[in-house]
Amino acid sequence: MLTPSFPDPAGTWNRRYESADFVFGTEPNAWLREHAGLWQPGQRVLSVADGEGRNSVWLAQRGLVVDAFDIAEVGVAKARRLAAR
């Protein structure tokens, strides 16, 4: 049987996100910026493992309908605060 190398993913990410700063910043990742033309306003996108929300917020600001989730509730709370700004 394999031993999980990441035994407490939610706890690990919650601890990582608990600082007031955004771990990866608030700008979207480079791939999204480079491929922004793939989506049109009004289209639906799914942002998996969204963390602190930098990618989903950026997509929503461009008129996309975004469904996002993350395993870390601390990250989700920060994503909601980022979206509110």
PDB file of N, CA and C in Angstrom:
ATOM      1  N   MET A   1       0.832  -1.177   0.000  1.00  0.00           N
ATOM      2  CA  MET A   1       0.000   0.000   0.000  1.00  0.00           C
ATOM      3  C   MET A   1       0.883   1.248   0.000  1.00  0.00           C
ATOM      4  N   LEU A   2       0.489   2.227  -0.777  1.00  0.00           N
ATOM      5  CA  LEU A   2       1.247   3.465  -0.850  1.00  0.00           C
ATOM      6  C   LEU A   2       0.942   4.366   0.339  1.00  0.00           C
ATOM      7  N   THR A   3       1.962   5.001   0.846  1.00  0.00           N
ATOM      8  CA  THR A   3       1.792   5.984   1.906  1.00  0.00           C
ATOM      9  C   THR A   3       1.581   7.339   1.243  1.00  0.00           C
ATOM     10  N   PRO A   4       0.524   8.049   1.606  1.00  0.00           N
ATOM     11  CA  PRO A   4       0.304   9.350   0.962  1.00  0.00           C
ATOM     12  C   PRO A   4       1.443  10.313   1.279  1.00  0.00           C
ATOM     13  N   SER A   5       1.936  10.984   0.249  1.00  0.00           N
ATOM     14  CA  SER A   5       3.007  11.952   0.464  1.00  0.00           C
ATOM     15  C   SER A   5       2.453  13.301   0.897  1.00  0.00           C
ATOM     16  N   PHE A   6       1.147  13.423   0.836  1.00  0.00           N
ATOM     17  CA  PHE A   6       0.468  14.676   1.173  1.00  0.00           C
ATOM     18  C   PHE A   6      -0.724  14.308   2.044  1.00  0.00           C
ATOM     19  N   PRO A   7      -0.481  13.863   3.291  1.00  0.00           N
ATOM     20  CA  PRO A   7      -1.536  13.263   4.110  1.00  0.00           C
ATOM     21  C   PRO A   7      -2.652  14.199   4.569  1.00  0.00           C
ATOM     22  N   ASP A   8      -2.406  15.493   4.650  1.00  0.00           N
ATOM     23  CA  ASP A   8      -3.424  16.437   5.121  1.00  0.00           C
ATOM     24  C   ASP A   8      -3.478  17.629   4.171  1.00  0.00           C
ATOM     25  N   PRO A   9      -3.982  17.425   2.955  1.00  0.00           N
ATOM     26  CA  PRO A   9      -3.939  18.519   1.980  1.00  0.00           C
ATOM     27  C   PRO A   9      -4.679  19.774   2.426  1.00  0.00           C
ATOM     28  N   ALA A  10      -5.873  19.635   2.986  1.00  0.00           N
ATOM     29  CA  ALA A  10      -6.624  20.827   3.408  1.00  0.00           C
ATOM     30  C   ALA A  10      -5.861  21.572   4.499  1.00  0.00           C
ATOM     31  N   GLY A  11      -5.370  20.861   5.482  1.00  0.00           N
ATOM     32  CA  GLY A  11      -4.620  21.499   6.565  1.00  0.00           C
ATOM     33  C   GLY A  11      -3.340  22.155   6.063  1.00  0.00           C
ATOM     34  N   THR A  12      -2.655  21.479   5.150  1.00  0.00           N
ATOM     35  CA  THR A  12      -1.417  22.036   4.587  1.00  0.00           C
ATOM     36  C   THR A  12      -1.684  23.348   3.884  1.00  0.00           C
ATOM     37  N   TRP A  13      -2.709  23.383   3.025  1.00  0.00           N
ATOM     38  CA  TRP A  13      -3.019  24.609   2.286  1.00  0.00           C
ATOM     39  C   TRP A  13      -3.615  25.672   3.197  1.00  0.00           C
ATOM     40  N   ASN A  14      -4.427  25.297   4.161  1.00  0.00           N
ATOM     41  CA  ASN A  14      -4.959  26.287   5.110  1.00  0.00           C
ATOM     42  C   ASN A  14      -3.822  26.980   5.857  1.00  0.00           C
ATOM     43  N   ARG A  15      -2.840  26.216   6.288  1.00  0.00           N
ATOM     44  CA  ARG A  15      -1.695  26.818   6.989  1.00  0.00           C
ATOM     45  C   ARG A  15      -0.910  27.721   6.039  1.00  0.00           C
ATOM     46  N   ARG A  16      -0.773  27.304   4.808  1.00  0.00           N
ATOM     47  CA  ARG A  16      -0.023  28.107   3.841  1.00  0.00           C
ATOM     48  C   ARG A  16      -0.731  29.431   3.544  1.00  0.00           C
ATOM     49  N   TYR A  17      -2.054  29.422   3.506  1.00  0.00           N
ATOM     50  CA  TYR A  17      -2.829  30.611   3.170  1.00  0.00           C
ATOM     51  C   TYR A  17      -3.151  31.507   4.365  1.00  0.00           C
ATOM     52  N   GLU A  18      -2.778  31.108   5.595  1.00  0.00           N
ATOM     53  CA  GLU A  18      -3.232  31.877   6.752  1.00  0.00           C
ATOM     54  C   GLU A  18      -2.563  33.243   6.911  1.00  0.00           C
ATOM     55  N   SER A  19      -1.506  33.514   6.195  1.00  0.00           N
ATOM     56  CA  SER A  19      -0.902  34.852   6.283  1.00  0.00           C
ATOM     57  C   SER A  19      -1.804  35.872   5.593  1.00  0.00           C
ATOM     58  N   ALA A  20      -1.661  37.132   5.945  1.00  0.00           N
ATOM     59  CA  ALA A  20      -2.487  38.186   5.338  1.00  0.00           C
ATOM     60  C   ALA A  20      -2.133  38.398   3.871  1.00  0.00           C
ATOM     61  N   ASP A  21      -0.893  38.101   3.508  1.00  0.00           N
ATOM     62  CA  ASP A  21      -0.453  38.261   2.119  1.00  0.00           C
ATOM     63  C   ASP A  21      -1.004  37.140   1.245  1.00  0.00           C
ATOM     64  N   PHE A  22      -1.060  37.403  -0.047  1.00  0.00           N
ATOM     65  CA  PHE A  22      -1.479  36.386  -1.005  1.00  0.00           C
ATOM     66  C   PHE A  22      -0.237  35.602  -1.435  1.00  0.00           C
ATOM     67  N   VAL A  23      -0.262  34.293  -1.205  1.00  0.00           N
ATOM     68  CA  VAL A  23       0.898  33.437  -1.442  1.00  0.00           C
ATOM     69  C   VAL A  23       1.417  33.574  -2.870  1.00  0.00           C
ATOM     70  N   PHE A  24       0.526  33.583  -3.853  1.00  0.00           N
ATOM     71  CA  PHE A  24       0.927  33.667  -5.250  1.00  0.00           C
ATOM     72  C   PHE A  24       0.616  35.037  -5.854  1.00  0.00           C
ATOM     73  N   GLY A  25       0.313  36.013  -5.017  1.00  0.00           N
ATOM     74  CA  GLY A  25      -0.039  37.336  -5.492  1.00  0.00           C
ATOM     75  C   GLY A  25      -1.506  37.404  -5.893  1.00  0.00           C
ATOM     76  N   THR A  26      -1.894  38.500  -6.514  1.00  0.00           N
ATOM     77  CA  THR A  26      -3.292  38.681  -6.912  1.00  0.00           C
ATOM     78  C   THR A  26      -3.456  38.740  -8.429  1.00  0.00           C
ATOM     79  N   GLU A  27      -2.368  38.651  -9.158  1.00  0.00           N
ATOM     80  CA  GLU A  27      -2.442  38.633 -10.616  1.00  0.00           C
ATOM     81  C   GLU A  27      -2.609  37.198 -11.093  1.00  0.00           C
ATOM     82  N   PRO A  28      -3.282  36.981 -12.224  1.00  0.00           N
ATOM     83  CA  PRO A  28      -3.495  35.614 -12.707  1.00  0.00           C
ATOM     84  C   PRO A  28      -2.181  34.969 -13.140  1.00  0.00           C
ATOM     85  N   ASN A  29      -2.212  33.656 -13.260  1.00  0.00           N
ATOM     86  CA  ASN A  29      -1.004  32.980 -13.716  1.00  0.00           C
ATOM     87  C   ASN A  29      -0.732  33.318 -15.182  1.00  0.00           C
ATOM     88  N   ALA A  30       0.491  33.102 -15.601  1.00  0.00           N
ATOM     89  CA  ALA A  30       0.937  33.488 -16.941  1.00  0.00           C
ATOM     90  C   ALA A  30       0.138  32.794 -18.041  1.00  0.00           C
ATOM     91  N   TRP A  31      -0.207  31.543 -17.836  1.00  0.00           N
ATOM     92  CA  TRP A  31      -0.943  30.805 -18.878  1.00  0.00           C
ATOM     93  C   TRP A  31      -2.287  31.477 -19.161  1.00  0.00           C
ATOM     94  N   LEU A  32      -3.008  31.872 -18.127  1.00  0.00           N
ATOM     95  CA  LEU A  32      -4.292  32.541 -18.332  1.00  0.00           C
ATOM     96  C   LEU A  32      -4.118  33.847 -19.102  1.00  0.00           C
ATOM     97  N   ARG A  33      -3.131  34.626 -18.721  1.00  0.00           N
ATOM     98  CA  ARG A  33      -2.889  35.888 -19.437  1.00  0.00           C
ATOM     99  C   ARG A  33      -2.607  35.635 -20.919  1.00  0.00           C
ATOM    100  N   GLU A  34      -1.776  34.636 -21.178  1.00  0.00           N
ATOM    101  CA  GLU A  34      -1.389  34.334 -22.560  1.00  0.00           C
ATOM    102  C   GLU A  34      -2.554  33.799 -23.388  1.00  0.00           C
ATOM    103  N   HIS A  35      -3.513  33.166 -22.746  1.00  0.00           N
ATOM    104  CA  HIS A  35      -4.615  32.519 -23.458  1.00  0.00           C
ATOM    105  C   HIS A  35      -5.965  33.184 -23.207  1.00  0.00           C
ATOM    106  N   ALA A  36      -5.961  34.418 -22.767  1.00  0.00           N
ATOM    107  CA  ALA A  36      -7.193  35.126 -22.407  1.00  0.00           C
ATOM    108  C   ALA A  36      -8.176  35.193 -23.567  1.00  0.00           C
ATOM    109  N   GLY A  37      -7.693  35.199 -24.782  1.00  0.00           N
ATOM    110  CA  GLY A  37      -8.567  35.291 -25.945  1.00  0.00           C
ATOM    111  C   GLY A  37      -9.374  34.036 -26.236  1.00  0.00           C
ATOM    112  N   LEU A  38      -9.145  32.979 -25.500  1.00  0.00           N
ATOM    113  CA  LEU A  38      -9.887  31.731 -25.726  1.00  0.00           C
ATOM    114  C   LEU A  38     -11.338  31.820 -25.263  1.00  0.00           C
ATOM    115  N   TRP A  39     -11.618  32.738 -24.347  1.00  0.00           N
ATOM    116  CA  TRP A  39     -12.950  32.820 -23.767  1.00  0.00           C
ATOM    117  C   TRP A  39     -13.596  34.156 -24.084  1.00  0.00           C
ATOM    118  N   GLN A  40     -14.908  34.114 -24.192  1.00  0.00           N
ATOM    119  CA  GLN A  40     -15.686  35.325 -24.455  1.00  0.00           C
ATOM    120  C   GLN A  40     -16.563  35.624 -23.239  1.00  0.00           C
ATOM    121  N   PRO A  41     -16.846  36.911 -22.991  1.00  0.00           N
ATOM    122  CA  PRO A  41     -17.730  37.250 -21.882  1.00  0.00           C
ATOM    123  C   PRO A  41     -19.034  36.456 -21.949  1.00  0.00           C
ATOM    124  N   GLY A  42     -19.490  36.022 -20.792  1.00  0.00           N
ATOM    125  CA  GLY A  42     -20.715  35.242 -20.700  1.00  0.00           C
ATOM    126  C   GLY A  42     -20.485  33.735 -20.699  1.00  0.00           C
ATOM    127  N   GLN A  43     -19.315  33.297 -21.143  1.00  0.00           N
ATOM    128  CA  GLN A  43     -19.030  31.861 -21.115  1.00  0.00           C
ATOM    129  C   GLN A  43     -18.776  31.416 -19.679  1.00  0.00           C
ATOM    130  N   ARG A  44     -19.019  30.132 -19.423  1.00  0.00           N
ATOM    131  CA  ARG A  44     -18.784  29.552 -18.102  1.00  0.00           C
ATOM    132  C   ARG A  44     -17.424  28.890 -18.078  1.00  0.00           C
ATOM    133  N   VAL A  45     -16.731  29.079 -16.965  1.00  0.00           N
ATOM    134  CA  VAL A  45     -15.453  28.403 -16.760  1.00  0.00           C
ATOM    135  C   VAL A  45     -15.423  27.810 -15.353  1.00  0.00           C
ATOM    136  N   LEU A  46     -14.630  26.779 -15.197  1.00  0.00           N
ATOM    137  CA  LEU A  46     -14.446  26.119 -13.911  1.00  0.00           C
ATOM    138  C   LEU A  46     -13.001  26.318 -13.484  1.00  0.00           C
ATOM    139  N   SER A  47     -12.808  26.875 -12.313  1.00  0.00           N
ATOM    140  CA  SER A  47     -11.465  27.089 -11.780  1.00  0.00           C
ATOM    141  C   SER A  47     -11.250  26.122 -10.620  1.00  0.00           C
ATOM    142  N   VAL A  48     -10.531  25.049 -10.905  1.00  0.00           N
ATOM    143  CA  VAL A  48     -10.289  23.973  -9.943  1.00  0.00           C
ATOM    144  C   VAL A  48      -9.052  24.309  -9.114  1.00  0.00           C
ATOM    145  N   ALA A  49      -9.100  23.993  -7.832  1.00  0.00           N
ATOM    146  CA  ALA A  49      -7.992  24.277  -6.917  1.00  0.00           C
ATOM    147  C   ALA A  49      -7.626  25.758  -7.015  1.00  0.00           C
ATOM    148  N   ASP A  50      -8.610  26.599  -6.824  1.00  0.00           N
ATOM    149  CA  ASP A  50      -8.485  28.032  -7.080  1.00  0.00           C
ATOM    150  C   ASP A  50      -7.699  28.794  -6.017  1.00  0.00           C
ATOM    151  N   GLY A  51      -7.415  28.158  -4.900  1.00  0.00           N
ATOM    152  CA  GLY A  51      -6.601  28.807  -3.872  1.00  0.00           C
ATOM    153  C   GLY A  51      -7.211  30.097  -3.377  1.00  0.00           C
ATOM    154  N   GLU A  52      -6.441  31.178  -3.449  1.00  0.00           N
ATOM    155  CA  GLU A  52      -6.862  32.475  -2.938  1.00  0.00           C
ATOM    156  C   GLU A  52      -7.632  33.293  -3.975  1.00  0.00           C
ATOM    157  N   GLY A  53      -7.930  32.716  -5.110  1.00  0.00           N
ATOM    158  CA  GLY A  53      -8.846  33.327  -6.065  1.00  0.00           C
ATOM    159  C   GLY A  53      -8.272  34.207  -7.151  1.00  0.00           C
ATOM    160  N   ARG A  54      -6.967  34.291  -7.259  1.00  0.00           N
ATOM    161  CA  ARG A  54      -6.408  35.227  -8.241  1.00  0.00           C
ATOM    162  C   ARG A  54      -6.860  34.937  -9.660  1.00  0.00           C
ATOM    163  N   ASN A  55      -6.974  33.660 -10.020  1.00  0.00           N
ATOM    164  CA  ASN A  55      -7.368  33.320 -11.383  1.00  0.00           C
ATOM    165  C   ASN A  55      -8.870  33.493 -11.605  1.00  0.00           C
ATOM    166  N   SER A  56      -9.671  33.029 -10.672  1.00  0.00           N
ATOM    167  CA  SER A  56     -11.123  33.133 -10.850  1.00  0.00           C
ATOM    168  C   SER A  56     -11.593  34.586 -10.826  1.00  0.00           C
ATOM    169  N   VAL A  57     -10.996  35.397  -9.980  1.00  0.00           N
ATOM    170  CA  VAL A  57     -11.384  36.809  -9.920  1.00  0.00           C
ATOM    171  C   VAL A  57     -11.013  37.496 -11.233  1.00  0.00           C
ATOM    172  N   TRP A  58      -9.855  37.227 -11.741  1.00  0.00           N
ATOM    173  CA  TRP A  58      -9.413  37.823 -13.003  1.00  0.00           C
ATOM    174  C   TRP A  58     -10.349  37.429 -14.145  1.00  0.00           C
ATOM    175  N   LEU A  59     -10.730  36.155 -14.187  1.00  0.00           N
ATOM    176  CA  LEU A  59     -11.650  35.685 -15.223  1.00  0.00           C
ATOM    177  C   LEU A  59     -13.012  36.365 -15.088  1.00  0.00           C
ATOM    178  N   ALA A  60     -13.504  36.483 -13.869  1.00  0.00           N
ATOM    179  CA  ALA A  60     -14.802  37.129 -13.646  1.00  0.00           C
ATOM    180  C   ALA A  60     -14.761  38.599 -14.042  1.00  0.00           C
ATOM    181  N   GLN A  61     -13.637  39.252 -13.808  1.00  0.00           N
ATOM    182  CA  GLN A  61     -13.503  40.657 -14.194  1.00  0.00           C
ATOM    183  C   GLN A  61     -13.589  40.828 -15.711  1.00  0.00           C
ATOM    184  N   ARG A  62     -13.339  39.769 -16.443  1.00  0.00           N
ATOM    185  CA  ARG A  62     -13.427  39.803 -17.902  1.00  0.00           C
ATOM    186  C   ARG A  62     -14.788  39.344 -18.417  1.00  0.00           C
ATOM    187  N   GLY A  63     -15.754  39.230 -17.506  1.00  0.00           N
ATOM    188  CA  GLY A  63     -17.121  38.928 -17.899  1.00  0.00           C
ATOM    189  C   GLY A  63     -17.468  37.458 -18.007  1.00  0.00           C
ATOM    190  N   LEU A  64     -16.576  36.595 -17.550  1.00  0.00           N
ATOM    191  CA  LEU A  64     -16.873  35.161 -17.581  1.00  0.00           C
ATOM    192  C   LEU A  64     -17.676  34.777 -16.337  1.00  0.00           C
ATOM    193  N   VAL A  65     -18.473  33.746 -16.462  1.00  0.00           N
ATOM    194  CA  VAL A  65     -19.216  33.202 -15.330  1.00  0.00           C
ATOM    195  C   VAL A  65     -18.340  32.098 -14.745  1.00  0.00           C
ATOM    196  N   VAL A  66     -17.856  32.296 -13.540  1.00  0.00           N
ATOM    197  CA  VAL A  66     -16.839  31.424 -12.966  1.00  0.00           C
ATOM    198  C   VAL A  66     -17.394  30.601 -11.817  1.00  0.00           C
ATOM    199  N   ASP A  67     -17.183  29.298 -11.881  1.00  0.00           N
ATOM    200  CA  ASP A  67     -17.389  28.406 -10.751  1.00  0.00           C
ATOM    201  C   ASP A  67     -15.997  28.025 -10.273  1.00  0.00           C
ATOM    202  N   ALA A  68     -15.716  28.275  -9.009  1.00  0.00           N
ATOM    203  CA  ALA A  68     -14.389  28.002  -8.470  1.00  0.00           C
ATOM    204  C   ALA A  68     -14.520  27.258  -7.154  1.00  0.00           C
ATOM    205  N   PHE A  69     -13.523  26.437  -6.879  1.00  0.00           N
ATOM    206  CA  PHE A  69     -13.496  25.767  -5.583  1.00  0.00           C
ATOM    207  C   PHE A  69     -12.066  25.463  -5.184  1.00  0.00           C
ATOM    208  N   ASP A  70     -11.894  25.223  -3.908  1.00  0.00           N
ATOM    209  CA  ASP A  70     -10.602  24.840  -3.361  1.00  0.00           C
ATOM    210  C   ASP A  70     -10.832  24.028  -2.103  1.00  0.00           C
ATOM    211  N   ILE A  71      -9.898  23.173  -1.778  1.00  0.00           N
ATOM    212  CA  ILE A  71     -10.001  22.329  -0.592  1.00  0.00           C
ATOM    213  C   ILE A  71      -9.767  23.124   0.689  1.00  0.00           C
ATOM    214  N   ALA A  72      -9.085  24.262   0.586  1.00  0.00           N
ATOM    215  CA  ALA A  72      -8.711  25.045   1.768  1.00  0.00           C
ATOM    216  C   ALA A  72      -9.707  26.168   2.015  1.00  0.00           C
ATOM    217  N   GLU A  73     -10.443  26.062   3.100  1.00  0.00           N
ATOM    218  CA  GLU A  73     -11.439  27.093   3.398  1.00  0.00           C
ATOM    219  C   GLU A  73     -10.797  28.454   3.666  1.00  0.00           C
ATOM    220  N   VAL A  74      -9.559  28.472   4.153  1.00  0.00           N
ATOM    221  CA  VAL A  74      -8.861  29.745   4.352  1.00  0.00           C
ATOM    222  C   VAL A  74      -8.613  30.409   2.995  1.00  0.00           C
ATOM    223  N   GLY A  75      -8.222  29.621   2.005  1.00  0.00           N
ATOM    224  CA  GLY A  75      -8.026  30.160   0.666  1.00  0.00           C
ATOM    225  C   GLY A  75      -9.320  30.671   0.066  1.00  0.00           C
ATOM    226  N   VAL A  76     -10.403  29.947   0.251  1.00  0.00           N
ATOM    227  CA  VAL A  76     -11.707  30.356  -0.279  1.00  0.00           C
ATOM    228  C   VAL A  76     -12.146  31.679   0.366  1.00  0.00           C
ATOM    229  N   ALA A  77     -11.927  31.819   1.663  1.00  0.00           N
ATOM    230  CA  ALA A  77     -12.289  33.075   2.341  1.00  0.00           C
ATOM    231  C   ALA A  77     -11.486  34.238   1.771  1.00  0.00           C
ATOM    232  N   LYS A  78     -10.199  34.018   1.507  1.00  0.00           N
ATOM    233  CA  LYS A  78      -9.379  35.079   0.920  1.00  0.00           C
ATOM    234  C   LYS A  78      -9.834  35.380  -0.502  1.00  0.00           C
ATOM    235  N   ALA A  79     -10.231  34.361  -1.245  1.00  0.00           N
ATOM    236  CA  ALA A  79     -10.739  34.563  -2.604  1.00  0.00           C
ATOM    237  C   ALA A  79     -11.994  35.433  -2.577  1.00  0.00           C
ATOM    238  N   ARG A  80     -12.862  35.189  -1.631  1.00  0.00           N
ATOM    239  CA  ARG A  80     -14.081  36.002  -1.519  1.00  0.00           C
ATOM    240  C   ARG A  80     -13.739  37.449  -1.186  1.00  0.00           C
ATOM    241  N   ARG A  81     -12.757  37.654  -0.325  1.00  0.00           N
ATOM    242  CA  ARG A  81     -12.345  39.029  -0.004  1.00  0.00           C
ATOM    243  C   ARG A  81     -11.727  39.705  -1.226  1.00  0.00           C
ATOM    244  N   LEU A  82     -10.929  38.964  -1.972  1.00  0.00           N
ATOM    245  CA  LEU A  82     -10.337  39.525  -3.195  1.00  0.00           C
ATOM    246  C   LEU A  82     -11.428  39.900  -4.198  1.00  0.00           C
ATOM    247  N   ALA A  83     -12.409  39.044  -4.349  1.00  0.00           N
ATOM    248  CA  ALA A  83     -13.510  39.328  -5.288  1.00  0.00           C
ATOM    249  C   ALA A  83     -14.301  40.548  -4.842  1.00  0.00           C
ATOM    250  N   ALA A  84     -14.467  40.725  -3.561  1.00  0.00           N
ATOM    251  CA  ALA A  84     -15.224  41.864  -3.048  1.00  0.00           C
ATOM    252  C   ALA A  84     -14.514  43.188  -3.303  1.00  0.00           C
ATOM    253  N   ARG A  85     -13.191  43.141  -3.408  1.00  0.00           N
ATOM    254  CA  ARG A  85     -12.424  44.369  -3.679  1.00  0.00           C
ATOM    255  C   ARG A  85     -12.662  44.775  -5.099  1.00  0.00           C
TER     256      ARG A  85
END
